[in-house]
């Protein structure tokens, strides 16, 4: 018959080993990063054209500090301040810098502007403060708006009747409805930051001559294009 005994030293070693393993596990538990509490964030209401697509959720809480930078440029008979670029930095709750936001040339896009001396078009830029990884925003083409062109026949709180070459078209109105009235103006109301629509005709020499200029209010500002 074999007599199996564990020495006191072996028992003590097992106890110490178990205690060390427990302490190590506790150490790892304490060292785990704390959550950013992004689940507590309720995104604010924003215009539909800049709203985050459905299915995306907040994952990080940060605090931004930055500036909007303007440059003084000629405007009409005088001068005016025009937005140059923004610059901002995002910090975590423990005051460590997370990202930087600014404008810079995107080297992955071809520069088609002959007046711009850069490797790529100027785009909104975000750079990680730790590893310097960088992403650039890309302009998204806006599809043409579908609509009805004609003479307004009648207007109610819920619909508009428009006379078109092909007949009267009934258009339902979604509330709330905002209407705008076109009034005469002149070039003194056009500044370097105005959003305008220009109707022009091409001349024999290839130049475009404006026949009509519409100055839009700021809330109707849309995509740039021709």
Protein backbone atom coordinates (compact mmCIF):
# COMPACT_ATOMS: atom_id res chain seq x y z
CA UNK A 1 0.00 0.00 0.00
CA UNK A 2 1.34 3.42 -0.96
CA UNK A 3 1.23 6.19 1.55
CA UNK A 4 0.57 9.53 -0.20
CA UNK A 5 1.22 12.58 1.87
CA UNK A 6 1.48 16.27 0.93
CA UNK A 7 4.15 18.14 2.72
CA UNK A 8 3.38 21.35 4.55
CA UNK A 9 5.58 23.26 2.09
CA UNK A 10 3.66 21.90 -0.92
CA UNK A 11 0.35 22.94 0.66
CA UNK A 12 1.70 26.38 1.43
CA UNK A 13 2.96 26.75 -2.16
CA UNK A 14 -0.47 25.89 -3.55
CA UNK A 15 -2.11 28.47 -1.28
CA UNK A 16 0.40 31.14 -2.30
CA UNK A 17 -0.04 30.26 -5.99
CA UNK A 18 -3.82 30.54 -5.70
CA UNK A 19 -3.51 33.83 -3.85
CA UNK A 20 -1.17 35.21 -6.51
CA UNK A 21 -3.51 34.13 -9.29
CA UNK A 22 -6.42 35.82 -7.52
CA UNK A 23 -4.43 39.00 -7.00
CA UNK A 24 -3.37 38.95 -10.66
CA UNK A 25 -6.98 38.58 -11.78
CA UNK A 26 -8.02 41.46 -9.54
CA UNK A 27 -5.16 43.53 -10.94
CA UNK A 28 -6.32 42.92 -14.50
CA UNK A 29 -9.89 43.77 -13.54
CA UNK A 30 -8.86 47.11 -12.07
CA UNK A 31 -6.69 47.91 -15.10
CA UNK A 32 -9.49 47.49 -17.61
CA UNK A 33 -10.43 50.78 -19.37
CA UNK A 34 -13.52 52.49 -18.09
CA UNK A 35 -16.48 52.95 -20.46
CA UNK A 36 -16.94 56.33 -22.15
CA UNK A 37 -20.59 56.46 -21.10
CA UNK A 38 -21.61 57.01 -24.74
CA UNK A 39 -24.84 55.12 -24.05
CA UNK A 40 -25.98 58.12 -22.01
CA UNK A 41 -25.70 60.47 -25.00
CA UNK A 42 -28.88 61.60 -26.77
CA UNK A 43 -27.96 63.03 -30.19
CA UNK A 44 -29.46 66.50 -30.68
CA UNK A 45 -31.88 67.20 -33.55
CA UNK A 46 -30.08 68.36 -36.70
CA UNK A 47 -31.11 69.20 -40.29
CA UNK A 48 -31.84 66.12 -42.38
CA UNK A 49 -29.00 66.83 -44.82
CA UNK A 50 -26.37 66.41 -42.07
CA UNK A 51 -28.16 63.79 -39.94
CA UNK A 52 -26.27 60.59 -39.10
CA UNK A 53 -27.72 57.62 -41.04
CA UNK A 54 -30.02 55.30 -39.11
CA UNK A 55 -28.30 52.40 -37.36
CA UNK A 56 -25.33 54.43 -36.09
CA UNK A 57 -24.99 55.00 -32.35
CA UNK A 58 -22.64 57.14 -30.19
CA UNK A 59 -19.47 55.30 -29.08
CA UNK A 60 -17.34 58.03 -27.52
CA UNK A 61 -17.92 61.11 -25.39
CA UNK A 62 -15.50 63.96 -26.04
CA UNK A 63 -15.14 67.66 -25.40
CA UNK A 64 -14.22 69.92 -28.31
CA UNK A 65 -12.20 73.12 -28.15
CA UNK A 66 -11.49 75.09 -31.29
CA UNK A 67 -11.86 78.18 -33.44
CA UNK A 68 -13.55 79.32 -36.64
CA UNK A 69 -10.91 81.22 -38.62
CA UNK A 70 -11.80 84.09 -40.94
CA UNK A 71 -9.82 86.16 -43.43
CA UNK A 72 -10.62 89.70 -44.56
CA UNK A 73 -11.19 89.84 -48.34
CA UNK A 74 -12.48 92.43 -50.83
CA UNK A 75 -16.29 92.43 -51.04
CA UNK A 76 -18.12 94.80 -53.36
CA UNK A 77 -16.90 98.32 -52.69
CA UNK A 78 -15.43 97.34 -49.33
CA UNK A 79 -14.15 94.31 -47.45
CA UNK A 80 -15.73 91.48 -45.48
CA UNK A 81 -14.63 88.58 -43.31
CA UNK A 82 -14.87 85.21 -45.08
CA UNK A 83 -14.60 81.77 -43.45
CA UNK A 84 -11.10 80.40 -44.04
CA UNK A 85 -10.88 77.14 -42.09
CA UNK A 86 -11.93 75.78 -38.71
CA UNK A 87 -9.52 74.14 -36.29
CA UNK A 88 -10.66 72.09 -33.30
CA UNK A 89 -9.37 69.44 -30.91
CA UNK A 90 -11.36 66.73 -29.13
CA UNK A 91 -10.42 65.74 -25.58
CA UNK A 92 -11.46 62.76 -23.44
CA UNK A 93 -12.82 63.04 -19.90
CA UNK A 94 -9.28 62.73 -18.50
CA UNK A 95 -8.18 65.72 -20.66
CA UNK A 96 -6.16 63.66 -23.15
CA UNK A 97 -6.33 64.81 -26.76
CA UNK A 98 -8.16 62.31 -28.98
CA UNK A 99 -8.44 63.88 -32.44
CA UNK A 100 -7.84 67.11 -34.33
CA UNK A 101 -10.15 68.60 -36.97
CA UNK A 102 -8.95 71.02 -39.66
CA UNK A 103 -8.84 71.51 -43.44
CA UNK A 104 -6.06 70.10 -45.61
CA UNK A 105 -5.43 68.79 -49.18
CA UNK A 106 -6.62 65.22 -49.73
CA UNK A 107 -3.72 63.41 -51.47
CA UNK A 108 -6.02 60.58 -52.57
CA UNK A 109 -8.16 62.85 -54.79
CA UNK A 110 -7.12 64.54 -58.02
CA UNK A 111 -6.96 68.32 -57.86
CA UNK A 112 -9.03 69.75 -60.73
CA UNK A 113 -8.82 73.39 -59.63
CA UNK A 114 -6.02 75.16 -61.56
CA UNK A 115 -6.12 78.06 -59.09
CA UNK A 116 -5.27 75.72 -56.19
CA UNK A 117 -1.60 74.84 -55.71
CA UNK A 118 -2.06 71.61 -53.75
CA UNK A 119 -1.72 67.86 -54.24
CA UNK A 120 -5.47 67.43 -53.86
CA UNK A 121 -8.68 69.35 -53.17
CA UNK A 122 -9.07 70.98 -49.76
CA UNK A 123 -11.28 68.77 -47.57
CA UNK A 124 -12.38 68.61 -43.96
CA UNK A 125 -9.78 66.50 -42.15
CA UNK A 126 -9.71 64.46 -38.93
CA UNK A 127 -6.40 63.20 -37.48
CA UNK A 128 -5.94 60.79 -34.58
CA UNK A 129 -3.76 62.39 -31.93
CA UNK A 130 -2.00 59.15 -30.95
CA UNK A 131 -1.09 57.40 -34.20
CA UNK A 132 -1.58 60.31 -36.69
CA UNK A 133 -3.96 58.26 -38.85
CA UNK A 134 -5.97 60.69 -41.00
CA UNK A 135 -9.28 60.66 -42.84
CA UNK A 136 -10.63 63.22 -45.29
CA UNK A 137 -14.25 64.06 -46.03
CA UNK A 138 -15.36 63.64 -49.62
CA UNK A 139 -17.92 65.81 -51.37
CA UNK A 140 -21.09 63.88 -52.13
CA UNK A 141 -22.89 64.59 -55.35
CA UNK A 142 -26.40 65.85 -54.75
CA UNK A 143 -29.02 64.33 -57.08
CA UNK A 144 -31.13 66.86 -59.00
CA UNK A 145 -34.35 67.84 -57.31
CA UNK A 146 -37.54 66.64 -58.90
CA UNK A 147 -40.31 69.19 -59.02
CA UNK A 148 -43.08 70.87 -60.94
CA UNK A 149 -42.55 73.96 -63.08
CA UNK A 150 -45.52 76.01 -64.08
CA UNK A 151 -47.97 78.71 -63.05
CA UNK A 152 -49.62 78.48 -59.65
CA UNK A 153 -53.39 78.23 -60.01
CA UNK A 154 -54.48 77.87 -56.41
CA UNK A 155 -53.03 77.40 -52.93
CA UNK A 156 -54.56 75.89 -49.78
CA UNK A 157 -53.15 74.85 -46.41
CA UNK A 158 -52.62 71.33 -47.71
CA UNK A 159 -52.09 71.54 -51.47
CA UNK A 160 -51.01 73.60 -54.48
CA UNK A 161 -52.45 73.45 -58.01
CA UNK A 162 -49.86 74.15 -60.72
CA UNK A 163 -50.65 74.69 -64.40
CA UNK A 164 -48.00 72.98 -66.54
CA UNK A 165 -47.76 72.52 -70.32
CA UNK A 166 -49.17 69.01 -69.87
CA UNK A 167 -52.05 70.06 -67.60
CA UNK A 168 -52.82 70.97 -63.98
CA UNK A 169 -50.72 69.13 -61.40
CA UNK A 170 -51.95 68.68 -57.81
CA UNK A 171 -49.13 68.89 -55.24
CA UNK A 172 -49.73 67.90 -51.62
CA UNK A 173 -48.09 70.15 -49.04
CA UNK A 174 -46.34 68.72 -46.00
CA UNK A 175 -46.60 70.84 -42.88
CA UNK A 176 -45.00 73.03 -41.70
CA UNK A 177 -44.80 74.95 -44.98
CA UNK A 178 -42.35 77.80 -45.52
CA UNK A 179 -42.85 80.10 -48.50
CA UNK A 180 -40.54 82.69 -50.05
CA UNK A 181 -41.33 85.72 -52.15
CA UNK A 182 -39.04 86.88 -54.95
CA UNK A 183 -38.31 90.60 -54.87
CA UNK A 184 -36.06 92.80 -57.06
CA UNK A 185 -32.48 93.33 -55.89
CA UNK A 186 -29.09 94.45 -57.23
CA UNK A 187 -25.44 93.42 -57.20
CA UNK A 188 -24.73 95.41 -54.03
CA UNK A 189 -26.51 92.63 -52.11
CA UNK A 190 -24.15 89.93 -53.48
CA UNK A 191 -21.17 89.26 -51.20
CA UNK A 192 -18.33 86.73 -51.23
CA UNK A 193 -20.39 84.43 -48.99
CA UNK A 194 -23.73 84.73 -50.82
CA UNK A 195 -25.37 81.61 -52.23
CA UNK A 196 -26.70 82.50 -55.67
CA UNK A 197 -28.28 80.87 -58.67
CA UNK A 198 -27.31 82.26 -62.08
CA UNK A 199 -29.20 81.81 -65.34
CA UNK A 200 -26.83 82.49 -68.23
CA UNK A 201 -26.45 82.04 -71.98
CA UNK A 202 -23.31 81.16 -73.89
CA UNK A 203 -22.05 83.75 -76.37
CA UNK A 204 -20.32 83.17 -79.71
CA UNK A 205 -16.91 83.60 -78.07
CA UNK A 206 -17.72 80.90 -75.49
CA UNK A 207 -18.24 83.27 -72.58
CA UNK A 208 -21.27 83.01 -70.33
CA UNK A 209 -23.45 86.09 -69.85
CA UNK A 210 -25.75 86.21 -66.84
CA UNK A 211 -29.41 86.86 -67.62
CA UNK A 212 -30.71 86.46 -64.07
CA UNK A 213 -29.15 86.16 -60.60
CA UNK A 214 -31.16 84.83 -57.66
CA UNK A 215 -29.79 85.50 -54.17
CA UNK A 216 -30.95 82.71 -51.87
CA UNK A 217 -31.43 83.09 -48.10
CA UNK A 218 -28.90 81.22 -45.99
CA UNK A 219 -31.38 78.47 -44.98
CA UNK A 220 -31.73 77.52 -48.67
CA UNK A 221 -27.99 77.11 -49.19
CA UNK A 222 -27.35 73.91 -51.14
CA UNK A 223 -24.58 72.15 -53.05
CA UNK A 224 -22.08 74.00 -55.22
CA UNK A 225 -22.18 73.21 -58.90
CA UNK A 226 -23.04 74.34 -62.41
